[in-house]
C-alpha atoms as a PDB file:
ATOM      1  CA  UNK A   1      12.981 -31.058 -10.777  1.00  0.00           C
ATOM      2  CA  UNK A   2      15.054 -27.850 -11.780  1.00  0.00           C
ATOM      3  CA  UNK A   3      18.505 -28.531 -13.372  1.00  0.00           C
ATOM      4  CA  UNK A   4      20.126 -25.565 -11.853  1.00  0.00           C
ATOM      5  CA  UNK A   5      19.765 -24.566  -8.335  1.00  0.00           C
ATOM      6  CA  UNK A   6      18.470 -20.775  -7.277  1.00  0.00           C
ATOM      7  CA  UNK A   7      20.280 -19.101  -4.540  1.00  0.00           C
ATOM      8  CA  UNK A   8      18.954 -17.306  -1.862  1.00  0.00           C
ATOM      9  CA  UNK A   9      20.474 -14.193  -1.121  1.00  0.00           C
ATOM     10  CA  UNK A  10      19.780 -12.940   2.419  1.00  0.00           C
ATOM     11  CA  UNK A  11      16.630 -12.668   4.772  1.00  0.00           C
ATOM     12  CA  UNK A  12      15.683  -8.864   3.572  1.00  0.00           C
ATOM     13  CA  UNK A  13      13.402  -7.963   6.155  1.00  0.00           C
ATOM     14  CA  UNK A  14      10.909  -9.263   8.879  1.00  0.00           C
ATOM     15  CA  UNK A  15       7.372  -6.891   8.647  1.00  0.00           C
ATOM     16  CA  UNK A  16       5.296  -6.071  11.807  1.00  0.00           C
ATOM     17  CA  UNK A  17       1.969  -4.065  11.450  1.00  0.00           C
ATOM     18  CA  UNK A  18       1.611  -1.883  14.313  1.00  0.00           C
ATOM     19  CA  UNK A  19      -0.829   0.938  15.646  1.00  0.00           C
ATOM     20  CA  UNK A  20       1.403   3.337  16.554  1.00  0.00           C
ATOM     21  CA  UNK A  21       4.283   3.646  14.351  1.00  0.00           C
ATOM     22  CA  UNK A  22       6.429   6.792  16.085  1.00  0.00           C
ATOM     23  CA  UNK A  23       5.989   4.725  19.587  1.00  0.00           C
ATOM     24  CA  UNK A  24       7.368   1.713  17.838  1.00  0.00           C
ATOM     25  CA  UNK A  25       9.858   3.213  16.172  1.00  0.00           C
ATOM     26  CA  UNK A  26      11.193   5.278  19.398  1.00  0.00           C
ATOM     27  CA  UNK A  27      11.312   1.620  20.890  1.00  0.00           C
ATOM     28  CA  UNK A  28      13.450  -0.532  18.504  1.00  0.00           C
ATOM     29  CA  UNK A  29      15.845   2.986  18.105  1.00  0.00           C
ATOM     30  CA  UNK A  30      16.027   2.519  21.945  1.00  0.00           C
ATOM     31  CA  UNK A  31      16.915  -1.300  21.584  1.00  0.00           C
ATOM     32  CA  UNK A  32      19.727  -0.188  18.899  1.00  0.00           C
ATOM     33  CA  UNK A  33      18.371  -0.194  15.261  1.00  0.00           C
ATOM     34  CA  UNK A  34      18.907   2.843  13.373  1.00  0.00           C
ATOM     35  CA  UNK A  35      15.962   4.424  11.186  1.00  0.00           C
ATOM     36  CA  UNK A  36      16.581   4.449   7.419  1.00  0.00           C
ATOM     37  CA  UNK A  37      13.416   6.439   6.443  1.00  0.00           C
ATOM     38  CA  UNK A  38       9.873   6.342   6.278  1.00  0.00           C
ATOM     39  CA  UNK A  39       7.302   6.435   3.873  1.00  0.00           C
ATOM     40  CA  UNK A  40       3.935   6.162   3.040  1.00  0.00           C
ATOM     41  CA  UNK A  41       3.433   3.407   0.476  1.00  0.00           C
ATOM     42  CA  UNK A  42      -0.034   3.581  -1.868  1.00  0.00           C
ATOM     43  CA  UNK A  43      -1.020   3.010  -5.587  1.00  0.00           C
ATOM     44  CA  UNK A  44      -2.402   0.644  -7.654  1.00  0.00           C
ATOM     45  CA  UNK A  45       1.267  -1.257  -7.957  1.00  0.00           C
ATOM     46  CA  UNK A  46       1.102  -1.893  -3.956  1.00  0.00           C
ATOM     47  CA  UNK A  47      -2.195  -3.579  -3.845  1.00  0.00           C
ATOM     48  CA  UNK A  48      -1.107  -5.902  -6.756  1.00  0.00           C
ATOM     49  CA  UNK A  49       1.928  -7.059  -4.399  1.00  0.00           C
ATOM     50  CA  UNK A  50      -0.256  -7.697  -1.261  1.00  0.00           C
ATOM     51  CA  UNK A  51      -3.667  -8.239  -2.897  1.00  0.00           C
ATOM     52  CA  UNK A  52      -4.945  -5.504  -0.676  1.00  0.00           C
ATOM     53  CA  UNK A  53      -6.176  -3.226  -3.174  1.00  0.00           C
ATOM     54  CA  UNK A  54      -6.632   0.676  -2.615  1.00  0.00           C
ATOM     55  CA  UNK A  55      -4.253   0.270   0.510  1.00  0.00           C
ATOM     56  CA  UNK A  56      -2.448   2.898   1.862  1.00  0.00           C
ATOM     57  CA  UNK A  57       0.274   2.472   4.424  1.00  0.00           C
ATOM     58  CA  UNK A  58       2.810   4.274   6.327  1.00  0.00           C
ATOM     59  CA  UNK A  59       5.888   2.425   6.563  1.00  0.00           C
ATOM     60  CA  UNK A  60       9.315   2.795   8.500  1.00  0.00           C
ATOM     61  CA  UNK A  61      12.573   0.556   7.837  1.00  0.00           C
ATOM     62  CA  UNK A  62      14.752   0.293  10.461  1.00  0.00           C
ATOM     63  CA  UNK A  63      18.166  -1.388  10.622  1.00  0.00           C
ATOM     64  CA  UNK A  64      20.610  -3.243  12.788  1.00  0.00           C
ATOM     65  CA  UNK A  65      23.862  -1.876  13.686  1.00  0.00           C
ATOM     66  CA  UNK A  66      25.588  -4.580  11.355  1.00  0.00           C
ATOM     67  CA  UNK A  67      23.717  -3.188   8.348  1.00  0.00           C
ATOM     68  CA  UNK A  68      22.767  -6.968   7.715  1.00  0.00           C
ATOM     69  CA  UNK A  69      18.958  -6.851   9.002  1.00  0.00           C
ATOM     70  CA  UNK A  70      16.163  -5.124   8.765  1.00  0.00           C
ATOM     71  CA  UNK A  71      12.716  -4.560  10.678  1.00  0.00           C
ATOM     72  CA  UNK A  72       9.857  -3.015   8.338  1.00  0.00           C
ATOM     73  CA  UNK A  73       7.211  -1.163  10.458  1.00  0.00           C
ATOM     74  CA  UNK A  74       3.806  -1.003   8.873  1.00  0.00           C
ATOM     75  CA  UNK A  75       0.781   1.073  10.158  1.00  0.00           C
ATOM     76  CA  UNK A  76      -2.318   0.421   7.525  1.00  0.00           C
ATOM     77  CA  UNK A  77      -4.296   3.429   6.898  1.00  0.00           C
ATOM     78  CA  UNK A  78      -6.474   1.593   4.682  1.00  0.00           C
ATOM     79  CA  UNK A  79      -8.033  -0.812   4.647  1.00  0.00           C
ATOM     80  CA  UNK A  80      -8.140  -1.307   8.308  1.00  0.00           C
ATOM     81  CA  UNK A  81      -6.276  -4.183  10.274  1.00  0.00           C
ATOM     82  CA  UNK A  82      -8.133  -7.218  10.237  1.00  0.00           C
ATOM     83  CA  UNK A  83      -6.621  -9.260  13.032  1.00  0.00           C
ATOM     84  CA  UNK A  84      -4.330  -8.689  16.061  1.00  0.00           C
ATOM     85  CA  UNK A  85      -2.193 -11.399  17.129  1.00  0.00           C
ATOM     86  CA  UNK A  86      -0.067  -9.439  19.340  1.00  0.00           C
ATOM     87  CA  UNK A  87      -0.897 -10.949  22.605  1.00  0.00           C
ATOM     88  CA  UNK A  88      -0.763 -14.202  21.319  1.00  0.00           C
ATOM     89  CA  UNK A  89       1.243 -16.835  23.842  1.00  0.00           C
ATOM     90  CA  UNK A  90       4.674 -18.216  22.327  1.00  0.00           C
ATOM     91  CA  UNK A  91       3.041 -21.453  21.250  1.00  0.00           C
ATOM     92  CA  UNK A  92       0.496 -19.771  19.074  1.00  0.00           C
ATOM     93  CA  UNK A  93       0.710 -20.510  15.317  1.00  0.00           C
ATOM     94  CA  UNK A  94       2.059 -17.839  13.028  1.00  0.00           C
ATOM     95  CA  UNK A  95       4.217 -15.025  13.261  1.00  0.00           C
ATOM     96  CA  UNK A  96       6.005 -15.366  17.050  1.00  0.00           C
ATOM     97  CA  UNK A  97       8.746 -12.911  17.656  1.00  0.00           C
ATOM     98  CA  UNK A  98      11.728 -11.533  16.495  1.00  0.00           C
ATOM     99  CA  UNK A  99      14.834 -12.074  18.543  1.00  0.00           C
ATOM    100  CA  UNK A 100      17.464  -9.806  18.708  1.00  0.00           C
ATOM    101  CA  UNK A 101      21.283 -10.324  19.850  1.00  0.00           C
ATOM    102  CA  UNK A 102      22.746  -7.865  22.832  1.00  0.00           C
ATOM    103  CA  UNK A 103      25.909  -7.198  24.328  1.00  0.00           C
ATOM    104  CA  UNK A 104      24.455  -6.676  27.916  1.00  0.00           C
ATOM    105  CA  UNK A 105      21.042  -7.906  28.354  1.00  0.00           C
ATOM    106  CA  UNK A 106      20.424  -6.253  31.879  1.00  0.00           C
ATOM    107  CA  UNK A 107      21.203  -3.093  30.693  1.00  0.00           C
ATOM    108  CA  UNK A 108      19.084  -3.643  27.647  1.00  0.00           C
ATOM    109  CA  UNK A 109      16.046  -4.758  29.947  1.00  0.00           C
ATOM    110  CA  UNK A 110      16.792  -1.362  31.952  1.00  0.00           C
ATOM    111  CA  UNK A 111      16.430   1.156  28.972  1.00  0.00           C
ATOM    112  CA  UNK A 112      13.405  -0.882  27.414  1.00  0.00           C
ATOM    113  CA  UNK A 113      11.724  -0.733  30.777  1.00  0.00           C
ATOM    114  CA  UNK A 114      11.649   3.043  30.717  1.00  0.00           C
ATOM    115  CA  UNK A 115       9.866   2.425  27.378  1.00  0.00           C
ATOM    116  CA  UNK A 116       7.103   0.036  28.535  1.00  0.00           C
ATOM    117  CA  UNK A 117       9.061  -3.289  27.796  1.00  0.00           C
ATOM    118  CA  UNK A 118       7.552  -6.075  30.416  1.00  0.00           C
ATOM    119  CA  UNK A 119       9.506  -9.092  31.064  1.00  0.00           C
ATOM    120  CA  UNK A 120       7.300 -12.433  30.018  1.00  0.00           C
ATOM    121  CA  UNK A 121       9.028 -15.064  32.349  1.00  0.00           C
ATOM    122  CA  UNK A 122      12.544 -14.945  33.504  1.00  0.00           C
ATOM    123  CA  UNK A 123      16.066 -14.037  31.812  1.00  0.00           C
ATOM    124  CA  UNK A 124      17.510 -17.616  31.900  1.00  0.00           C
ATOM    125  CA  UNK A 125      20.963 -19.259  31.056  1.00  0.00           C
ATOM    126  CA  UNK A 126      21.302 -21.735  28.247  1.00  0.00           C
ATOM    127  CA  UNK A 127      24.003 -24.226  29.258  1.00  0.00           C
ATOM    128  CA  UNK A 128      27.295 -21.799  28.631  1.00  0.00           C
ATOM    129  CA  UNK A 129      26.200 -20.033  25.222  1.00  0.00           C
ATOM    130  CA  UNK A 130      23.644 -17.644  26.037  1.00  0.00           C
ATOM    131  CA  UNK A 131      21.548 -15.568  28.572  1.00  0.00           C
ATOM    132  CA  UNK A 132      17.814 -15.247  26.979  1.00  0.00           C
ATOM    133  CA  UNK A 133      14.739 -13.836  27.534  1.00  0.00           C
ATOM    134  CA  UNK A 134      11.254 -12.453  26.054  1.00  0.00           C
ATOM    135  CA  UNK A 135       9.907  -9.377  26.516  1.00  0.00           C
ATOM    136  CA  UNK A 136       6.546  -7.620  25.363  1.00  0.00           C
ATOM    137  CA  UNK A 137       7.230  -4.415  24.005  1.00  0.00           C
ATOM    138  CA  UNK A 138       5.250  -1.663  22.571  1.00  0.00           C
ATOM    139  CA  UNK A 139       1.768  -2.705  21.818  1.00  0.00           C
ATOM    140  CA  UNK A 140       2.242  -6.088  23.355  1.00  0.00           C
ATOM    141  CA  UNK A 141       4.996  -7.064  20.443  1.00  0.00           C
ATOM    142  CA  UNK A 142       6.868 -10.264  21.734  1.00  0.00           C
ATOM    143  CA  UNK A 143      10.367  -9.853  21.287  1.00  0.00           C
ATOM    144  CA  UNK A 144      13.545 -12.209  22.081  1.00  0.00           C
ATOM    145  CA  UNK A 145      16.826 -10.883  23.441  1.00  0.00           C
ATOM    146  CA  UNK A 146      19.740 -13.201  23.457  1.00  0.00           C
ATOM    147  CA  UNK A 147      23.366 -12.174  25.251  1.00  0.00           C
ATOM    148  CA  UNK A 148      25.922 -14.674  23.837  1.00  0.00           C
ATOM    149  CA  UNK A 149      28.153 -15.587  27.057  1.00  0.00           C
ATOM    150  CA  UNK A 150      31.926 -15.667  26.279  1.00  0.00           C
END
């Protein structure tokens, strides 16, 4: 047992591997995230972190409007992608979805449908607290939307 407790500072970001980085950036910008930057990550140090030697990855970092959360999108150039979990149902093991709080779920759905988003089930009300839904975004990514009810 440790005598002193280590403090978690924050969750820095959630990472998602995609095939079409540009389209996915556009989708999340339409949702309201702000693009912080894009870069190509490569080199011996990167492979040591991930365990993937000789990796070359294009990344984009997006930030929520409040500045507290980030989404890192990655497109692997090398090595090639080895698995595809994008169309897994909501009860699949592993990464499932990312959920965003929105002001107006109907308006948000209208904007995102123009970028190809599809409603998974339906928009539902959870007691007097939230309206919620899941959508499939670019490349079949599962995304949750939550509108707090006042």
